[in-house]
Amino acid sequence: MNQATNMSTSSQTKVDSKSADGTRPFRFIFVGGSARSGTTLVQKMLCAHSCVCGGPEFDHAVPAMKLFARMSSPQQLERQKFYYSEEEVSDRFREFYASLFDGLASRNPGLKYVSEKTPANIAAAADLLRLFPDAFYVNVMRDGRDVVLSHQKVLNRFKQQHGKKGKKWWFEYSVRDVSRKWNSDIERYYEMMASDSISPRIMNVKYEEIVSHPEKVLKPILEKLGLDFEPQLSKPESVDKEQLGYNVNVDGVWYTDGMFDQSLNSLSVSGWQKNLSWPKRMLVNFMQCRNLQRVGYPVPPSVLRLRHIVDYLRGR
């Protein structure tokens, strides 16, 4: 039993993984972070564990948690108290959300965790952790300059396949927009870590470290999950994309077969230095320098001086 398997279960068959006492046998691991940071790699490694299963990206965590946050806000609890209490709305959302993974759990008897990976989970992680007090969140970080480069490569592959239709992504995947999103995700992570109620269940992984020292990085995470390290976790290339449901995502744009099936390597680390043009290197360093330093990535001193001058002139 490893990854999510046979997807042919009839939609007409009622699937319920709950035990006789009404509890589910699994707990959640939520994986998220800025897009193109290595969340898929971390998901593959976790799902290679004999006690963990997972699937492709689940697209509904953010909208579901936005609705939950709105319905459980103090104003709405007061306004809607005729219909539900805070405890009742939490119980119903928890049951509804977990039930969506019953089919996956039923195909993997003996599992302890369902790992749900979607980069956007970083925007819903705080609410997910409050809704599921026994869940964990694994945040994946990567040098923001390499995140920009990875987005540029996705855009180039899309344009190669679809020609002028790729224009619709030109601005969304620009250095400015990707840098703003990366900065926002880094700041959101630190906001969550400032919360005493959820920070003990948040674990951070740096892409550069996990591709170089997978066992060293994974062991503390697994220890927190109460799991032992298993050798196959260091071989993500052994994970079958169809078993994980990723055959849809390997479309030659987001992922190629070679990208998904490759073994761990550090060739993509600091690729921005050679593969981004000088103007893009300057812009991405300038926009990200504060958070790059905060996370521990080196920034050229000249960029820091320029950032300081600009901030001073702006009165910051």
Protein backbone atom coordinates (compact mmCIF):
# COMPACT_ATOMS: atom_id res chain seq x y z
CA MET A 1 0.00 0.00 0.00
CA ASN A 2 1.54 3.27 -1.06
CA GLN A 3 -0.05 5.85 -3.26
CA ALA A 4 -3.59 6.52 -4.35
CA THR A 5 -4.45 3.67 -6.66
CA ASN A 6 -7.37 2.42 -8.72
CA MET A 7 -9.62 5.34 -9.57
CA SER A 8 -12.30 3.17 -11.11
CA THR A 9 -14.43 2.87 -7.98
CA SER A 10 -18.00 3.42 -9.02
CA SER A 11 -19.34 6.86 -8.16
CA GLN A 12 -22.58 5.17 -7.26
CA THR A 13 -20.95 3.12 -4.50
CA LYS A 14 -21.11 4.69 -1.08
CA VAL A 15 -17.61 4.88 0.37
CA ASP A 16 -17.04 5.47 4.07
CA SER A 17 -13.70 4.88 5.73
CA LYS A 18 -14.98 5.54 9.25
CA SER A 19 -14.65 2.84 11.87
CA ALA A 20 -17.47 1.52 14.04
CA ASP A 21 -17.01 4.32 16.58
CA GLY A 22 -17.46 6.96 13.87
CA THR A 23 -13.81 8.03 13.66
CA ARG A 24 -11.60 7.91 10.59
CA PRO A 25 -8.39 5.87 10.58
CA PHE A 26 -6.35 8.64 9.01
CA ARG A 27 -5.02 12.07 9.88
CA PHE A 28 -4.16 14.81 7.40
CA ILE A 29 -0.82 16.09 6.20
CA PHE A 30 -1.31 19.28 4.21
CA VAL A 31 1.52 20.28 1.88
CA GLY A 32 1.76 23.76 0.41
CA GLY A 33 4.01 26.67 -0.50
CA SER A 34 4.66 29.04 -3.34
CA ALA A 35 4.02 27.36 -6.69
CA ARG A 36 7.07 25.79 -8.39
CA SER A 37 8.84 25.44 -5.04
CA GLY A 38 9.00 21.64 -4.93
CA THR A 39 5.65 20.74 -3.37
CA THR A 40 5.15 17.91 -5.87
CA LEU A 41 8.54 16.44 -5.00
CA VAL A 42 7.73 16.52 -1.28
CA GLN A 43 4.33 14.94 -1.95
CA LYS A 44 5.94 12.11 -3.93
CA MET A 45 8.42 11.44 -1.14
CA LEU A 46 5.76 11.42 1.58
CA CYS A 47 3.44 9.19 -0.43
CA ALA A 48 6.24 6.69 -0.96
CA HIS A 49 5.87 5.85 2.74
CA SER A 50 3.94 2.68 3.52
CA CYS A 51 1.65 4.54 5.97
CA VAL A 52 0.88 7.57 3.78
CA CYS A 53 -1.26 7.94 0.68
CA GLY A 54 -2.17 10.90 -1.45
CA GLY A 55 -3.17 12.03 -4.88
CA PRO A 56 -2.97 14.98 -7.26
CA GLU A 57 -3.78 18.53 -6.28
CA PHE A 58 -7.07 19.04 -4.49
CA ASP A 59 -8.35 22.38 -5.75
CA HIS A 60 -11.00 23.16 -3.18
CA ALA A 61 -9.20 23.78 0.12
CA VAL A 62 -8.94 27.55 -0.31
CA PRO A 63 -12.58 28.23 -1.31
CA ALA A 64 -13.83 25.77 1.33
CA MET A 65 -11.76 27.40 4.09
CA LYS A 66 -12.80 30.88 2.98
CA LEU A 67 -16.42 29.84 3.43
CA PHE A 68 -15.61 28.22 6.79
CA ALA A 69 -13.78 31.35 7.99
CA ARG A 70 -16.68 33.54 6.94
CA MET A 71 -19.34 31.34 8.55
CA SER A 72 -17.36 31.03 11.78
CA SER A 73 -16.47 34.71 12.12
CA PRO A 74 -17.85 36.42 15.26
CA GLN A 75 -20.25 38.55 13.23
CA GLN A 76 -21.70 35.57 11.37
CA LEU A 77 -21.88 33.40 14.48
CA GLU A 78 -24.00 36.09 16.10
CA ARG A 79 -26.10 36.68 13.00
CA GLN A 80 -26.62 32.97 12.23
CA LYS A 81 -26.96 31.63 15.79
CA PHE A 82 -30.49 30.49 14.98
CA TYR A 83 -28.92 27.91 12.61
CA TYR A 84 -25.61 26.88 14.12
CA SER A 85 -23.07 27.42 16.86
CA GLU A 86 -19.30 27.71 16.45
CA GLU A 87 -18.87 24.09 17.48
CA GLU A 88 -21.59 22.89 15.12
CA VAL A 89 -20.25 24.67 12.04
CA SER A 90 -16.75 23.34 12.78
CA ASP A 91 -18.02 19.78 13.20
CA ARG A 92 -19.99 19.91 9.96
CA PHE A 93 -17.14 21.37 7.91
CA ARG A 94 -14.71 18.86 9.41
CA GLU A 95 -16.99 15.94 8.55
CA PHE A 96 -17.71 17.23 5.04
CA TYR A 97 -14.06 17.92 4.19
CA ALA A 98 -12.72 14.63 5.56
CA SER A 99 -15.46 12.63 3.85
CA LEU A 100 -14.13 13.75 0.45
CA PHE A 101 -11.05 11.60 1.11
CA ASP A 102 -12.91 8.46 2.23
CA GLY A 103 -12.63 6.89 -1.21
CA LEU A 104 -8.88 7.41 -1.26
CA ALA A 105 -8.56 5.96 2.25
CA SER A 106 -10.72 2.92 1.43
CA ARG A 107 -8.35 2.00 -1.43
CA ASN A 108 -5.39 2.10 0.95
CA PRO A 109 -6.20 -0.02 4.01
CA GLY A 110 -3.78 0.39 6.90
CA LEU A 111 -2.80 3.96 6.15
CA LYS A 112 -2.21 6.47 8.95
CA TYR A 113 -2.08 9.71 6.96
CA VAL A 114 -3.64 11.24 3.88
CA SER A 115 -1.26 13.77 2.36
CA GLU A 116 -3.06 16.52 0.47
CA LYS A 117 -0.72 18.65 -1.59
CA THR A 118 -1.70 21.85 -3.34
CA PRO A 119 0.64 24.89 -3.43
CA ALA A 120 -2.32 27.15 -2.58
CA ASN A 121 -2.74 25.27 0.70
CA ILE A 122 -0.50 27.92 2.23
CA ALA A 123 -3.45 30.30 1.96
CA ALA A 124 -5.74 27.87 3.78
CA ALA A 125 -3.30 26.18 6.16
CA ALA A 126 -4.16 28.21 9.25
CA ASP A 127 -7.87 27.38 8.99
CA LEU A 128 -7.16 23.75 8.05
CA LEU A 129 -5.00 23.30 11.14
CA ARG A 130 -7.65 24.85 13.36
CA LEU A 131 -10.34 22.68 11.82
CA PHE A 132 -8.23 19.52 12.16
CA PRO A 133 -6.36 19.74 15.49
CA ASP A 134 -4.46 16.50 14.79
CA ALA A 135 -3.29 17.53 11.29
CA PHE A 136 0.13 18.76 10.19
CA TYR A 137 1.21 21.28 7.57
CA VAL A 138 4.45 20.91 5.60
CA ASN A 139 5.53 24.18 4.05
CA VAL A 140 7.94 24.01 1.10
CA MET A 141 10.28 26.94 0.42
CA ARG A 142 12.59 27.56 -2.49
CA ASP A 143 14.84 30.42 -3.54
CA GLY A 144 12.35 32.87 -5.05
CA ARG A 145 14.65 33.59 -7.96
CA ASP A 146 14.54 29.93 -8.98
CA VAL A 147 10.76 30.04 -8.52
CA VAL A 148 10.65 32.86 -11.07
CA LEU A 149 12.87 30.90 -13.45
CA SER A 150 10.65 27.81 -13.13
CA HIS A 151 7.56 29.89 -13.99
CA GLN A 152 9.39 31.30 -17.01
CA LYS A 153 10.13 27.75 -18.18
CA VAL A 154 6.47 26.78 -17.79
CA LEU A 155 5.48 29.82 -19.85
CA ASN A 156 8.02 28.95 -22.55
CA ARG A 157 6.77 25.36 -22.78
CA PHE A 158 3.19 26.62 -23.05
CA LYS A 159 4.12 29.01 -25.85
CA GLN A 160 5.96 26.23 -27.69
CA GLN A 161 2.82 24.09 -27.57
CA HIS A 162 0.15 26.75 -28.11
CA GLY A 163 1.86 29.64 -29.85
CA LYS A 164 0.13 33.01 -29.47
CA LYS A 165 -2.35 31.60 -26.98
CA GLY A 166 0.51 31.75 -24.49
CA LYS A 167 0.10 35.53 -24.32
CA LYS A 168 -2.61 35.15 -21.71
CA TRP A 169 0.05 33.96 -19.26
CA TRP A 170 2.72 36.56 -20.06
CA PHE A 171 1.74 38.98 -17.31
CA GLU A 172 0.60 36.39 -14.77
CA TYR A 173 4.03 34.74 -15.00
CA SER A 174 6.06 37.94 -15.16
CA VAL A 175 8.97 38.52 -12.80
CA ARG A 176 6.95 41.15 -10.96
CA ASP A 177 3.83 39.06 -10.41
CA VAL A 178 5.66 35.88 -9.44
CA SER A 179 7.90 37.83 -7.06
CA ARG A 180 4.91 39.48 -5.41
CA LYS A 181 3.26 36.10 -4.93
CA TRP A 182 6.45 34.55 -3.55
CA ASN A 183 6.89 37.43 -1.09
CA SER A 184 3.28 37.08 0.01
CA ASP A 185 3.66 33.33 0.60
CA ILE A 186 6.84 33.82 2.65
CA GLU A 187 5.14 36.43 4.80
CA ARG A 188 2.09 34.24 5.24
CA TYR A 189 4.32 31.42 6.51
CA TYR A 190 5.87 33.67 9.15
CA GLU A 191 2.44 34.92 10.18
CA MET A 192 1.37 31.31 10.83
CA MET A 193 4.55 30.60 12.76
CA ALA A 194 3.70 33.49 15.09
CA SER A 195 0.56 31.63 16.20
CA ASP A 196 1.24 29.52 19.29
CA SER A 197 -1.87 27.42 18.65
CA ILE A 198 -0.82 26.07 15.23
CA SER A 199 2.93 26.64 14.84
CA PRO A 200 3.90 23.37 16.65
CA ARG A 201 2.21 21.47 13.80
CA ILE A 202 3.95 23.38 11.01
CA MET A 203 7.14 22.01 9.47
CA ASN A 204 9.25 23.84 6.91
CA VAL A 205 11.27 22.22 4.12
CA LYS A 206 13.73 23.97 1.84
CA TYR A 207 13.90 22.59 -1.67
CA GLU A 208 17.67 23.05 -1.86
CA GLU A 209 18.15 20.96 1.28
CA ILE A 210 15.80 18.11 0.47
CA VAL A 211 17.31 17.44 -2.97
CA SER A 212 20.79 17.31 -1.42
CA HIS A 213 20.11 15.60 1.91
CA PRO A 214 16.68 13.92 1.74
CA GLU A 215 17.10 11.59 4.71
CA LYS A 216 18.41 14.37 6.95
CA VAL A 217 15.47 16.60 6.05
CA LEU A 218 12.74 13.95 6.17
CA LYS A 219 13.66 12.22 9.42
CA PRO A 220 12.62 15.10 11.75
CA ILE A 221 9.33 15.42 9.85
CA LEU A 222 8.60 11.71 10.07
CA GLU A 223 9.53 11.69 13.75
CA LYS A 224 6.95 14.39 14.38
CA LEU A 225 4.41 12.31 12.46
CA GLY A 226 5.31 9.23 14.49
CA LEU A 227 6.66 7.39 11.44
CA ASP A 228 9.96 5.68 10.70
CA PHE A 229 12.15 6.62 7.75
CA GLU A 230 11.91 4.15 4.86
CA PRO A 231 14.64 3.92 2.17
CA GLN A 232 12.24 4.36 -0.78
CA LEU A 233 11.47 7.91 0.35
CA SER A 234 14.82 9.00 -1.09
CA LYS A 235 13.83 7.62 -4.51
CA PRO A 236 10.89 9.74 -5.73
CA GLU A 237 11.56 8.50 -9.26
CA SER A 238 10.10 5.16 -8.19
CA VAL A 239 6.66 6.70 -7.67
CA ASP A 240 4.27 5.93 -10.54
CA LYS A 241 2.50 9.09 -11.70
CA GLU A 242 -0.65 7.13 -12.53
CA GLN A 243 -0.79 5.68 -9.02
CA LEU A 244 -0.65 9.22 -7.65
CA GLY A 245 -3.14 10.48 -10.21
CA TYR A 246 -0.57 12.84 -11.72
CA ASN A 247 -0.93 11.59 -15.28
CA VAL A 248 -3.21 14.59 -15.89
CA ASN A 249 -0.61 17.09 -14.65
CA VAL A 250 2.22 15.64 -16.74
CA ASP A 251 1.10 17.54 -19.81
CA GLY A 252 4.40 18.77 -21.20
CA VAL A 253 3.78 22.25 -19.74
CA TRP A 254 3.55 22.02 -15.98
CA TYR A 255 5.55 18.81 -15.99
CA THR A 256 7.21 16.65 -18.58
CA ASP A 257 7.70 12.91 -18.16
CA GLY A 258 11.40 13.52 -17.63
CA MET A 259 10.75 16.08 -14.88
CA PHE A 260 8.32 13.87 -12.99
CA ASP A 261 10.40 10.69 -13.28
CA GLN A 262 13.81 12.17 -12.50
CA SER A 263 15.80 11.19 -9.42
CA LEU A 264 16.90 13.72 -6.84
CA ASN A 265 19.45 16.18 -8.18
CA SER A 266 20.60 19.69 -7.36
CA LEU A 267 21.10 20.87 -10.94
CA SER A 268 18.17 23.27 -10.69
CA VAL A 269 19.54 24.97 -7.56
CA SER A 270 20.63 28.57 -8.30
CA GLY A 271 19.79 28.11 -11.96
CA TRP A 272 18.56 31.71 -12.02
CA GLN A 273 22.15 32.95 -12.04
CA LYS A 274 22.77 31.56 -15.53
CA ASN A 275 19.31 31.37 -17.03
CA LEU A 276 17.72 34.71 -16.18
CA SER A 277 18.75 37.77 -18.16
CA TRP A 278 20.64 40.54 -16.35
CA PRO A 279 17.60 42.87 -16.16
CA LYS A 280 15.46 40.05 -14.74
CA ARG A 281 18.16 39.09 -12.23
CA MET A 282 18.33 42.69 -11.01
CA LEU A 283 14.55 43.03 -10.78
CA VAL A 284 13.95 39.74 -8.97
CA ASN A 285 16.77 40.44 -6.50
CA PHE A 286 15.46 43.93 -5.86
CA MET A 287 11.86 42.80 -5.32
CA GLN A 288 12.67 39.77 -3.17
CA CYS A 289 15.80 40.83 -1.28
CA ARG A 290 14.12 41.40 2.12
CA ASN A 291 12.48 37.98 2.22
CA LEU A 292 15.44 36.24 0.60
CA GLN A 293 17.56 37.47 3.49
CA ARG A 294 14.88 36.57 6.01
CA VAL A 295 14.76 32.98 4.76
CA GLY A 296 18.56 32.71 4.53
CA TYR A 297 19.32 33.02 0.82
CA PRO A 298 22.31 35.20 -0.19
CA VAL A 299 21.62 38.54 -1.87
CA PRO A 300 24.22 40.64 -3.73
CA PRO A 301 25.38 43.53 -1.48
CA SER A 302 24.86 46.01 -4.32
CA VAL A 303 21.17 45.08 -4.44
CA LEU A 304 20.82 45.52 -0.69
CA ARG A 305 22.40 48.97 -0.89
CA LEU A 306 20.08 49.96 -3.72
CA ARG A 307 17.06 48.63 -1.80
CA HIS A 308 18.13 50.63 1.27
CA ILE A 309 18.47 53.84 -0.77
CA VAL A 310 15.10 53.39 -2.45
CA ASP A 311 13.39 52.62 0.87
CA TYR A 312 15.01 55.69 2.44
CA LEU A 313 13.80 57.93 -0.39
CA ARG A 314 10.32 56.48 -0.01
CA GLY A 315 10.39 57.17 3.72
CA ARG A 316 10.32 53.53 4.75
